[in-house]
């Protein structure tokens, strides 16, 4: 869990676009994307999608608004869901090329 959270933070700081970066940086970003979703690189597409959906359900801002959480927590949740989505898109894009 700690590794997953650290990877999400690093992925967020590095940005998930992958544009204008070296292959080594992109590979690192891909590794962080897998760690962000809490799956191995050997995970099937189905398992990656399952992890993505689970994390989105846990952190989606609309669910937190319904629970009455403060605005700053909603903002954090919005950023987190964007990071989760970027990690998922990074993984799926890399798999298209393989």
PDB file of N, CA and C in Angstrom:
ATOM      1  N   UNK A   1       0.834  -1.190   0.000  1.00  0.00           N
ATOM      2  CA  UNK A   1       0.000   0.000   0.000  1.00  0.00           C
ATOM      3  C   UNK A   1       0.879   1.254   0.000  1.00  0.00           C
ATOM      4  N   UNK A   2       1.933   1.236   0.805  1.00  0.00           N
ATOM      5  CA  UNK A   2       2.835   2.392   0.859  1.00  0.00           C
ATOM      6  C   UNK A   2       3.518   2.604  -0.482  1.00  0.00           C
ATOM      7  N   UNK A   3       3.972   1.523  -1.107  1.00  0.00           N
ATOM      8  CA  UNK A   3       4.626   1.622  -2.417  1.00  0.00           C
ATOM      9  C   UNK A   3       3.661   2.183  -3.448  1.00  0.00           C
ATOM     10  N   UNK A   4       2.395   1.758  -3.383  1.00  0.00           N
ATOM     11  CA  UNK A   4       1.392   2.239  -4.323  1.00  0.00           C
ATOM     12  C   UNK A   4       1.170   3.740  -4.141  1.00  0.00           C
ATOM     13  N   UNK A   5       1.079   4.204  -2.921  1.00  0.00           N
ATOM     14  CA  UNK A   5       0.867   5.628  -2.655  1.00  0.00           C
ATOM     15  C   UNK A   5       2.074   6.449  -3.095  1.00  0.00           C
ATOM     16  N   UNK A   6       3.279   5.949  -2.800  1.00  0.00           N
ATOM     17  CA  UNK A   6       4.489   6.657  -3.228  1.00  0.00           C
ATOM     18  C   UNK A   6       4.564   6.725  -4.748  1.00  0.00           C
ATOM     19  N   UNK A   7       4.203   5.648  -5.420  1.00  0.00           N
ATOM     20  CA  UNK A   7       4.226   5.638  -6.885  1.00  0.00           C
ATOM     21  C   UNK A   7       3.219   6.632  -7.446  1.00  0.00           C
ATOM     22  N   UNK A   8       2.054   6.724  -6.820  1.00  0.00           N
ATOM     23  CA  UNK A   8       1.048   7.685  -7.276  1.00  0.00           C
ATOM     24  C   UNK A   8       1.560   9.111  -7.140  1.00  0.00           C
ATOM     25  N   UNK A   9       2.255   9.400  -6.048  1.00  0.00           N
ATOM     26  CA  UNK A   9       2.803  10.739  -5.845  1.00  0.00           C
ATOM     27  C   UNK A   9       3.883  11.041  -6.878  1.00  0.00           C
ATOM     28  N   UNK A  10       4.768  10.083  -7.130  1.00  0.00           N
ATOM     29  CA  UNK A  10       5.828  10.278  -8.119  1.00  0.00           C
ATOM     30  C   UNK A  10       5.245  10.422  -9.509  1.00  0.00           C
ATOM     31  N   UNK A  11       4.235   9.622  -9.817  1.00  0.00           N
ATOM     32  CA  UNK A  11       3.583   9.690 -11.121  1.00  0.00           C
ATOM     33  C   UNK A  11       2.943  11.056 -11.313  1.00  0.00           C
ATOM     34  N   UNK A  12       2.326  11.565 -10.257  1.00  0.00           N
ATOM     35  CA  UNK A  12       1.691  12.881 -10.334  1.00  0.00           C
ATOM     36  C   UNK A  12       2.730  13.970 -10.556  1.00  0.00           C
ATOM     37  N   UNK A  13       3.844  13.908  -9.812  1.00  0.00           N
ATOM     38  CA  UNK A  13       4.893  14.920  -9.953  1.00  0.00           C
ATOM     39  C   UNK A  13       5.538  14.885 -11.331  1.00  0.00           C
ATOM     40  N   UNK A  14       5.739  13.690 -11.865  1.00  0.00           N
ATOM     41  CA  UNK A  14       6.414  13.536 -13.159  1.00  0.00           C
ATOM     42  C   UNK A  14       5.489  13.901 -14.308  1.00  0.00           C
ATOM     43  N   UNK A  15       4.206  13.864 -14.089  1.00  0.00           N
ATOM     44  CA  UNK A  15       3.258  14.101 -15.169  1.00  0.00           C
ATOM     45  C   UNK A  15       3.096  12.825 -15.965  1.00  0.00           C
ATOM     46  N   UNK A  16       1.918  12.589 -16.460  1.00  0.00           N
ATOM     47  CA  UNK A  16       1.645  11.316 -17.126  1.00  0.00           C
ATOM     48  C   UNK A  16       1.595  11.434 -18.635  1.00  0.00           C
ATOM     49  N   UNK A  17       1.896  12.583 -19.179  1.00  0.00           N
ATOM     50  CA  UNK A  17       1.732  12.760 -20.621  1.00  0.00           C
ATOM     51  C   UNK A  17       2.732  11.966 -21.427  1.00  0.00           C
ATOM     52  N   UNK A  18       3.963  11.857 -20.950  1.00  0.00           N
ATOM     53  CA  UNK A  18       4.964  11.102 -21.671  1.00  0.00           C
ATOM     54  C   UNK A  18       5.519  11.842 -22.876  1.00  0.00           C
ATOM     55  N   UNK A  19       5.080  13.036 -23.150  1.00  0.00           N
ATOM     56  CA  UNK A  19       5.519  13.790 -24.321  1.00  0.00           C
ATOM     57  C   UNK A  19       6.831  14.493 -24.020  1.00  0.00           C
ATOM     58  N   UNK A  20       7.778  14.361 -24.961  1.00  0.00           N
ATOM     59  CA  UNK A  20       9.038  15.078 -24.838  1.00  0.00           C
ATOM     60  C   UNK A  20       9.985  14.485 -23.831  1.00  0.00           C
ATOM     61  N   UNK A  21       9.780  13.240 -23.424  1.00  0.00           N
ATOM     62  CA  UNK A  21      10.663  12.621 -22.457  1.00  0.00           C
ATOM     63  C   UNK A  21      11.421  11.485 -23.112  1.00  0.00           C
ATOM     64  N   UNK A  22      12.535  11.112 -22.511  1.00  0.00           N
ATOM     65  CA  UNK A  22      13.340  10.024 -23.038  1.00  0.00           C
ATOM     66  C   UNK A  22      12.632   8.695 -22.824  1.00  0.00           C
ATOM     67  N   UNK A  23      13.119   7.653 -23.517  1.00  0.00           N
ATOM     68  CA  UNK A  23      12.536   6.319 -23.367  1.00  0.00           C
ATOM     69  C   UNK A  23      12.711   5.815 -21.941  1.00  0.00           C
ATOM     70  N   UNK A  24      13.841   6.155 -21.324  1.00  0.00           N
ATOM     71  CA  UNK A  24      14.089   5.723 -19.948  1.00  0.00           C
ATOM     72  C   UNK A  24      13.077   6.364 -19.000  1.00  0.00           C
ATOM     73  N   UNK A  25      12.814   7.644 -19.185  1.00  0.00           N
ATOM     74  CA  UNK A  25      11.836   8.338 -18.344  1.00  0.00           C
ATOM     75  C   UNK A  25      10.439   7.779 -18.575  1.00  0.00           C
ATOM     76  N   UNK A  26      10.126   7.450 -19.831  1.00  0.00           N
ATOM     77  CA  UNK A  26       8.816   6.873 -20.137  1.00  0.00           C
ATOM     78  C   UNK A  26       8.668   5.499 -19.504  1.00  0.00           C
ATOM     79  N   UNK A  27       9.743   4.709 -19.522  1.00  0.00           N
ATOM     80  CA  UNK A  27       9.702   3.387 -18.896  1.00  0.00           C
ATOM     81  C   UNK A  27       9.502   3.521 -17.385  1.00  0.00           C
ATOM     82  N   UNK A  28      10.164   4.501 -16.785  1.00  0.00           N
ATOM     83  CA  UNK A  28       9.996   4.750 -15.357  1.00  0.00           C
ATOM     84  C   UNK A  28       8.554   5.163 -15.077  1.00  0.00           C
ATOM     85  N   UNK A  29       8.018   6.022 -15.923  1.00  0.00           N
ATOM     86  CA  UNK A  29       6.642   6.472 -15.758  1.00  0.00           C
ATOM     87  C   UNK A  29       5.682   5.290 -15.882  1.00  0.00           C
ATOM     88  N   UNK A  30       5.968   4.377 -16.804  1.00  0.00           N
ATOM     89  CA  UNK A  30       5.124   3.199 -16.978  1.00  0.00           C
ATOM     90  C   UNK A  30       5.186   2.325 -15.726  1.00  0.00           C
ATOM     91  N   UNK A  31       6.366   2.165 -15.179  1.00  0.00           N
ATOM     92  CA  UNK A  31       6.527   1.383 -13.951  1.00  0.00           C
ATOM     93  C   UNK A  31       5.725   2.037 -12.823  1.00  0.00           C
ATOM     94  N   UNK A  32       5.811   3.356 -12.723  1.00  0.00           N
ATOM     95  CA  UNK A  32       5.058   4.080 -11.693  1.00  0.00           C
ATOM     96  C   UNK A  32       3.556   3.950 -11.924  1.00  0.00           C
ATOM     97  N   UNK A  33       3.151   3.914 -13.188  1.00  0.00           N
ATOM     98  CA  UNK A  33       1.727   3.768 -13.495  1.00  0.00           C
ATOM     99  C   UNK A  33       1.210   2.431 -12.977  1.00  0.00           C
ATOM    100  N   UNK A  34       1.979   1.359 -13.211  1.00  0.00           N
ATOM    101  CA  UNK A  34       1.578   0.050 -12.684  1.00  0.00           C
ATOM    102  C   UNK A  34       1.510   0.073 -11.163  1.00  0.00           C
ATOM    103  N   UNK A  35       2.514   0.675 -10.538  1.00  0.00           N
ATOM    104  CA  UNK A  35       2.525   0.747  -9.082  1.00  0.00           C
ATOM    105  C   UNK A  35       1.365   1.597  -8.565  1.00  0.00           C
ATOM    106  N   UNK A  36       1.024   2.649  -9.289  1.00  0.00           N
ATOM    107  CA  UNK A  36      -0.083   3.521  -8.883  1.00  0.00           C
ATOM    108  C   UNK A  36      -1.397   2.768  -8.831  1.00  0.00           C
ATOM    109  N   UNK A  37      -1.566   1.836  -9.771  1.00  0.00           N
ATOM    110  CA  UNK A  37      -2.794   1.046  -9.791  1.00  0.00           C
ATOM    111  C   UNK A  37      -2.690  -0.193  -8.909  1.00  0.00           C
ATOM    112  N   UNK A  38      -1.489  -0.457  -8.414  1.00  0.00           N
ATOM    113  CA  UNK A  38      -1.304  -1.596  -7.527  1.00  0.00           C
ATOM    114  C   UNK A  38      -1.319  -2.938  -8.240  1.00  0.00           C
ATOM    115  N   UNK A  39      -0.866  -2.947  -9.499  1.00  0.00           N
ATOM    116  CA  UNK A  39      -0.807  -4.199 -10.267  1.00  0.00           C
ATOM    117  C   UNK A  39       0.597  -4.409 -10.815  1.00  0.00           C
ATOM    118  N   UNK A  40       0.906  -5.663 -11.139  1.00  0.00           N
ATOM    119  CA  UNK A  40       2.181  -5.996 -11.764  1.00  0.00           C
ATOM    120  C   UNK A  40       2.099  -5.758 -13.261  1.00  0.00           C
ATOM    121  N   UNK A  41       3.265  -5.637 -13.878  1.00  0.00           N
ATOM    122  CA  UNK A  41       3.313  -5.469 -15.331  1.00  0.00           C
ATOM    123  C   UNK A  41       2.781  -6.704 -16.047  1.00  0.00           C
ATOM    124  N   UNK A  42       2.775  -7.840 -15.363  1.00  0.00           N
ATOM    125  CA  UNK A  42       2.292  -9.079 -15.966  1.00  0.00           C
ATOM    126  C   UNK A  42       0.770  -9.238 -15.828  1.00  0.00           C
ATOM    127  N   UNK A  43       0.116  -8.295 -15.187  1.00  0.00           N
ATOM    128  CA  UNK A  43      -1.336  -8.374 -14.996  1.00  0.00           C
ATOM    129  C   UNK A  43      -2.044  -8.300 -16.339  1.00  0.00           C
ATOM    130  N   UNK A  44      -3.155  -9.015 -16.432  1.00  0.00           N
ATOM    131  CA  UNK A  44      -3.940  -8.992 -17.672  1.00  0.00           C
ATOM    132  C   UNK A  44      -4.646  -7.638 -17.809  1.00  0.00           C
ATOM    133  N   UNK A  45      -5.105  -7.359 -19.016  1.00  0.00           N
ATOM    134  CA  UNK A  45      -5.859  -6.120 -19.248  1.00  0.00           C
ATOM    135  C   UNK A  45      -7.077  -6.072 -18.326  1.00  0.00           C
ATOM    136  N   UNK A  46      -7.696  -7.218 -18.126  1.00  0.00           N
ATOM    137  CA  UNK A  46      -8.882  -7.304 -17.272  1.00  0.00           C
ATOM    138  C   UNK A  46      -8.530  -6.933 -15.831  1.00  0.00           C
ATOM    139  N   UNK A  47      -7.396  -7.427 -15.341  1.00  0.00           N
ATOM    140  CA  UNK A  47      -6.973  -7.118 -13.974  1.00  0.00           C
ATOM    141  C   UNK A  47      -6.608  -5.643 -13.817  1.00  0.00           C
ATOM    142  N   UNK A  48      -5.973  -5.079 -14.840  1.00  0.00           N
ATOM    143  CA  UNK A  48      -5.623  -3.655 -14.806  1.00  0.00           C
ATOM    144  C   UNK A  48      -6.903  -2.822 -14.759  1.00  0.00           C
ATOM    145  N   UNK A  49      -7.870  -3.178 -15.586  1.00  0.00           N
ATOM    146  CA  UNK A  49      -9.136  -2.440 -15.618  1.00  0.00           C
ATOM    147  C   UNK A  49      -9.879  -2.577 -14.295  1.00  0.00           C
ATOM    148  N   UNK A  50      -9.831  -3.755 -13.698  1.00  0.00           N
ATOM    149  CA  UNK A  50     -10.490  -3.985 -12.415  1.00  0.00           C
ATOM    150  C   UNK A  50      -9.867  -3.095 -11.331  1.00  0.00           C
ATOM    151  N   UNK A  51      -8.533  -3.032 -11.308  1.00  0.00           N
ATOM    152  CA  UNK A  51      -7.838  -2.197 -10.324  1.00  0.00           C
ATOM    153  C   UNK A  51      -8.179  -0.725 -10.543  1.00  0.00           C
ATOM    154  N   UNK A  52      -8.219  -0.307 -11.810  1.00  0.00           N
ATOM    155  CA  UNK A  52      -8.571   1.073 -12.157  1.00  0.00           C
ATOM    156  C   UNK A  52      -9.974   1.416 -11.648  1.00  0.00           C
ATOM    157  N   UNK A  53     -10.918   0.563 -11.935  1.00  0.00           N
ATOM    158  CA  UNK A  53     -12.300   0.825 -11.521  1.00  0.00           C
ATOM    159  C   UNK A  53     -12.446   0.852  -9.996  1.00  0.00           C
ATOM    160  N   UNK A  54     -11.731  -0.036  -9.327  1.00  0.00           N
ATOM    161  CA  UNK A  54     -11.796  -0.084  -7.869  1.00  0.00           C
ATOM    162  C   UNK A  54     -11.269   1.216  -7.265  1.00  0.00           C
ATOM    163  N   UNK A  55     -10.116   1.680  -7.770  1.00  0.00           N
ATOM    164  CA  UNK A  55      -9.536   2.921  -7.253  1.00  0.00           C
ATOM    165  C   UNK A  55     -10.416   4.125  -7.580  1.00  0.00           C
ATOM    166  N   UNK A  56     -10.990   4.148  -8.770  1.00  0.00           N
ATOM    167  CA  UNK A  56     -11.871   5.259  -9.136  1.00  0.00           C
ATOM    168  C   UNK A  56     -13.106   5.286  -8.230  1.00  0.00           C
ATOM    169  N   UNK A  57     -13.628   4.127  -7.914  1.00  0.00           N
ATOM    170  CA  UNK A  57     -14.798   4.066  -7.036  1.00  0.00           C
ATOM    171  C   UNK A  57     -14.455   4.568  -5.634  1.00  0.00           C
ATOM    172  N   UNK A  58     -13.239   4.272  -5.173  1.00  0.00           N
ATOM    173  CA  UNK A  58     -12.830   4.693  -3.829  1.00  0.00           C
ATOM    174  C   UNK A  58     -12.578   6.188  -3.738  1.00  0.00           C
ATOM    175  N   UNK A  59     -12.057   6.770  -4.798  1.00  0.00           N
ATOM    176  CA  UNK A  59     -11.585   8.155  -4.726  1.00  0.00           C
ATOM    177  C   UNK A  59     -12.412   9.152  -5.531  1.00  0.00           C
ATOM    178  N   UNK A  60     -13.497   8.726  -6.126  1.00  0.00           N
ATOM    179  CA  UNK A  60     -14.254   9.642  -6.984  1.00  0.00           C
ATOM    180  C   UNK A  60     -14.848  10.778  -6.161  1.00  0.00           C
ATOM    181  N   UNK A  61     -14.625  12.011  -6.614  1.00  0.00           N
ATOM    182  CA  UNK A  61     -15.099  13.180  -5.855  1.00  0.00           C
ATOM    183  C   UNK A  61     -16.603  13.196  -5.600  1.00  0.00           C
ATOM    184  N   UNK A  62     -17.397  12.715  -6.554  1.00  0.00           N
ATOM    185  CA  UNK A  62     -18.848  12.736  -6.371  1.00  0.00           C
ATOM    186  C   UNK A  62     -19.271  11.899  -5.166  1.00  0.00           C
ATOM    187  N   UNK A  63     -18.585  10.791  -4.945  1.00  0.00           N
ATOM    188  CA  UNK A  63     -18.916   9.958  -3.788  1.00  0.00           C
ATOM    189  C   UNK A  63     -18.538  10.663  -2.487  1.00  0.00           C
ATOM    190  N   UNK A  64     -17.448  11.409  -2.524  1.00  0.00           N
ATOM    191  CA  UNK A  64     -17.002  12.111  -1.324  1.00  0.00           C
ATOM    192  C   UNK A  64     -17.890  13.312  -1.017  1.00  0.00           C
ATOM    193  N   UNK A  65     -18.395  13.960  -2.060  1.00  0.00           N
ATOM    194  CA  UNK A  65     -19.330  15.075  -1.859  1.00  0.00           C
ATOM    195  C   UNK A  65     -20.574  14.560  -1.146  1.00  0.00           C
ATOM    196  N   UNK A  66     -21.041  13.382  -1.557  1.00  0.00           N
ATOM    197  CA  UNK A  66     -22.236  12.793  -0.947  1.00  0.00           C
ATOM    198  C   UNK A  66     -22.011  12.476   0.535  1.00  0.00           C
ATOM    199  N   UNK A  67     -20.756  12.248   0.909  1.00  0.00           N
ATOM    200  CA  UNK A  67     -20.441  11.956   2.309  1.00  0.00           C
ATOM    201  C   UNK A  67     -20.251  13.228   3.133  1.00  0.00           C
ATOM    202  N   UNK A  68     -20.292  14.392   2.455  1.00  0.00           N
ATOM    203  CA  UNK A  68     -20.187  15.660   3.156  1.00  0.00           C
ATOM    204  C   UNK A  68     -18.779  16.069   3.536  1.00  0.00           C
ATOM    205  N   UNK A  69     -17.785  15.611   2.804  1.00  0.00           N
ATOM    206  CA  UNK A  69     -16.401  15.966   3.119  1.00  0.00           C
ATOM    207  C   UNK A  69     -16.097  17.400   2.700  1.00  0.00           C
ATOM    208  N   UNK A  70     -15.119  18.036   3.340  1.00  0.00           N
ATOM    209  CA  UNK A  70     -14.784  19.433   3.032  1.00  0.00           C
ATOM    210  C   UNK A  70     -14.243  19.607   1.605  1.00  0.00           C
ATOM    211  N   UNK A  71     -14.308  20.838   1.150  1.00  0.00           N
ATOM    212  CA  UNK A  71     -13.914  21.181  -0.223  1.00  0.00           C
ATOM    213  C   UNK A  71     -12.464  20.823  -0.524  1.00  0.00           C
ATOM    214  N   UNK A  72     -11.540  21.032   0.424  1.00  0.00           N
ATOM    215  CA  UNK A  72     -10.135  20.731   0.145  1.00  0.00           C
ATOM    216  C   UNK A  72      -9.918  19.236  -0.076  1.00  0.00           C
ATOM    217  N   UNK A  73     -10.716  18.408   0.576  1.00  0.00           N
ATOM    218  CA  UNK A  73     -10.608  16.965   0.365  1.00  0.00           C
ATOM    219  C   UNK A  73     -11.194  16.573  -0.986  1.00  0.00           C
ATOM    220  N   UNK A  74     -12.203  17.284  -1.420  1.00  0.00           N
ATOM    221  CA  UNK A  74     -12.792  17.043  -2.734  1.00  0.00           C
ATOM    222  C   UNK A  74     -11.772  17.384  -3.819  1.00  0.00           C
ATOM    223  N   UNK A  75     -11.043  18.480  -3.614  1.00  0.00           N
ATOM    224  CA  UNK A  75     -10.013  18.884  -4.566  1.00  0.00           C
ATOM    225  C   UNK A  75      -8.917  17.820  -4.645  1.00  0.00           C
ATOM    226  N   UNK A  76      -8.503  17.311  -3.503  1.00  0.00           N
ATOM    227  CA  UNK A  76      -7.481  16.257  -3.474  1.00  0.00           C
ATOM    228  C   UNK A  76      -7.987  15.005  -4.189  1.00  0.00           C
ATOM    229  N   UNK A  77      -9.244  14.667  -3.977  1.00  0.00           N
ATOM    230  CA  UNK A  77      -9.826  13.493  -4.619  1.00  0.00           C
ATOM    231  C   UNK A  77      -9.889  13.673  -6.130  1.00  0.00           C
ATOM    232  N   UNK A  78     -10.176  14.897  -6.567  1.00  0.00           N
ATOM    233  CA  UNK A  78     -10.208  15.180  -8.001  1.00  0.00           C
ATOM    234  C   UNK A  78      -8.831  14.965  -8.621  1.00  0.00           C
ATOM    235  N   UNK A  79      -7.797  15.470  -7.958  1.00  0.00           N
ATOM    236  CA  UNK A  79      -6.435  15.275  -8.444  1.00  0.00           C
ATOM    237  C   UNK A  79      -6.067  13.792  -8.461  1.00  0.00           C
ATOM    238  N   UNK A  80      -6.464  13.088  -7.433  1.00  0.00           N
ATOM    239  CA  UNK A  80      -6.154  11.664  -7.328  1.00  0.00           C
ATOM    240  C   UNK A  80      -6.833  10.881  -8.450  1.00  0.00           C
ATOM    241  N   UNK A  81      -8.087  11.188  -8.734  1.00  0.00           N
ATOM    242  CA  UNK A  81      -8.767  10.475  -9.813  1.00  0.00           C
ATOM    243  C   UNK A  81      -8.131  10.791 -11.162  1.00  0.00           C
ATOM    244  N   UNK A  82      -7.648  12.018 -11.337  1.00  0.00           N
ATOM    245  CA  UNK A  82      -6.945  12.362 -12.581  1.00  0.00           C
ATOM    246  C   UNK A  82      -5.656  11.554 -12.706  1.00  0.00           C
ATOM    247  N   UNK A  83      -4.954  11.372 -11.603  1.00  0.00           N
ATOM    248  CA  UNK A  83      -3.726  10.575 -11.613  1.00  0.00           C
ATOM    249  C   UNK A  83      -4.021   9.110 -11.907  1.00  0.00           C
ATOM    250  N   UNK A  84      -5.079   8.596 -11.321  1.00  0.00           N
ATOM    251  CA  UNK A  84      -5.464   7.198 -11.555  1.00  0.00           C
ATOM    252  C   UNK A  84      -5.816   7.008 -13.025  1.00  0.00           C
ATOM    253  N   UNK A  85      -6.572   7.949 -13.561  1.00  0.00           N
ATOM    254  CA  UNK A  85      -6.959   7.866 -14.975  1.00  0.00           C
ATOM    255  C   UNK A  85      -5.733   7.953 -15.873  1.00  0.00           C
ATOM    256  N   UNK A  86      -4.824   8.851 -15.570  1.00  0.00           N
ATOM    257  CA  UNK A  86      -3.599   8.991 -16.367  1.00  0.00           C
ATOM    258  C   UNK A  86      -2.751   7.725 -16.309  1.00  0.00           C
ATOM    259  N   UNK A  87      -2.661   7.122 -15.134  1.00  0.00           N
ATOM    260  CA  UNK A  87      -1.896   5.883 -14.988  1.00  0.00           C
ATOM    261  C   UNK A  87      -2.518   4.783 -15.839  1.00  0.00           C
ATOM    262  N   UNK A  88      -3.826   4.672 -15.781  1.00  0.00           N
ATOM    263  CA  UNK A  88      -4.533   3.651 -16.570  1.00  0.00           C
ATOM    264  C   UNK A  88      -4.324   3.889 -18.064  1.00  0.00           C
ATOM    265  N   UNK A  89      -4.465   5.133 -18.492  1.00  0.00           N
ATOM    266  CA  UNK A  89      -4.283   5.451 -19.913  1.00  0.00           C
ATOM    267  C   UNK A  89      -2.850   5.188 -20.366  1.00  0.00           C
ATOM    268  N   UNK A  90      -1.873   5.486 -19.514  1.00  0.00           N
ATOM    269  CA  UNK A  90      -0.471   5.231 -19.829  1.00  0.00           C
ATOM    270  C   UNK A  90      -0.235   3.739 -20.049  1.00  0.00           C
ATOM    271  N   UNK A  91      -0.785   2.938 -19.164  1.00  0.00           N
ATOM    272  CA  UNK A  91      -0.630   1.487 -19.277  1.00  0.00           C
ATOM    273  C   UNK A  91      -1.299   0.963 -20.544  1.00  0.00           C
ATOM    274  N   UNK A  92      -2.524   1.368 -20.768  1.00  0.00           N
ATOM    275  CA  UNK A  92      -3.253   0.845 -21.921  1.00  0.00           C
ATOM    276  C   UNK A  92      -2.624   1.298 -23.238  1.00  0.00           C
ATOM    277  N   UNK A  93      -2.112   2.515 -23.269  1.00  0.00           N
ATOM    278  CA  UNK A  93      -1.443   3.018 -24.475  1.00  0.00           C
ATOM    279  C   UNK A  93      -0.179   2.213 -24.751  1.00  0.00           C
ATOM    280  N   UNK A  94       0.568   1.893 -23.707  1.00  0.00           N
ATOM    281  CA  UNK A  94       1.799   1.117 -23.895  1.00  0.00           C
ATOM    282  C   UNK A  94       1.487  -0.297 -24.360  1.00  0.00           C
ATOM    283  N   UNK A  95       0.352  -0.818 -23.951  1.00  0.00           N
ATOM    284  CA  UNK A  95      -0.027  -2.171 -24.362  1.00  0.00           C
ATOM    285  C   UNK A  95      -0.516  -2.227 -25.795  1.00  0.00           C
ATOM    286  N   UNK A  96      -1.013  -1.135 -26.308  1.00  0.00           N
ATOM    287  CA  UNK A  96      -1.444  -1.091 -27.713  1.00  0.00           C
ATOM    288  C   UNK A  96      -0.253  -1.287 -28.633  1.00  0.00           C
ATOM    289  N   UNK A  97       0.897  -0.716 -28.243  1.00  0.00           N
ATOM    290  CA  UNK A  97       2.086  -0.790 -29.064  1.00  0.00           C
ATOM    291  C   UNK A  97       2.761  -2.140 -29.031  1.00  0.00           C
ATOM    292  N   UNK A  98       2.393  -2.982 -28.077  1.00  0.00           N
ATOM    293  CA  UNK A  98       3.067  -4.292 -27.937  1.00  0.00           C
ATOM    294  C   UNK A  98       2.351  -5.371 -28.685  1.00  0.00           C
TER     295      UNK A  98
END
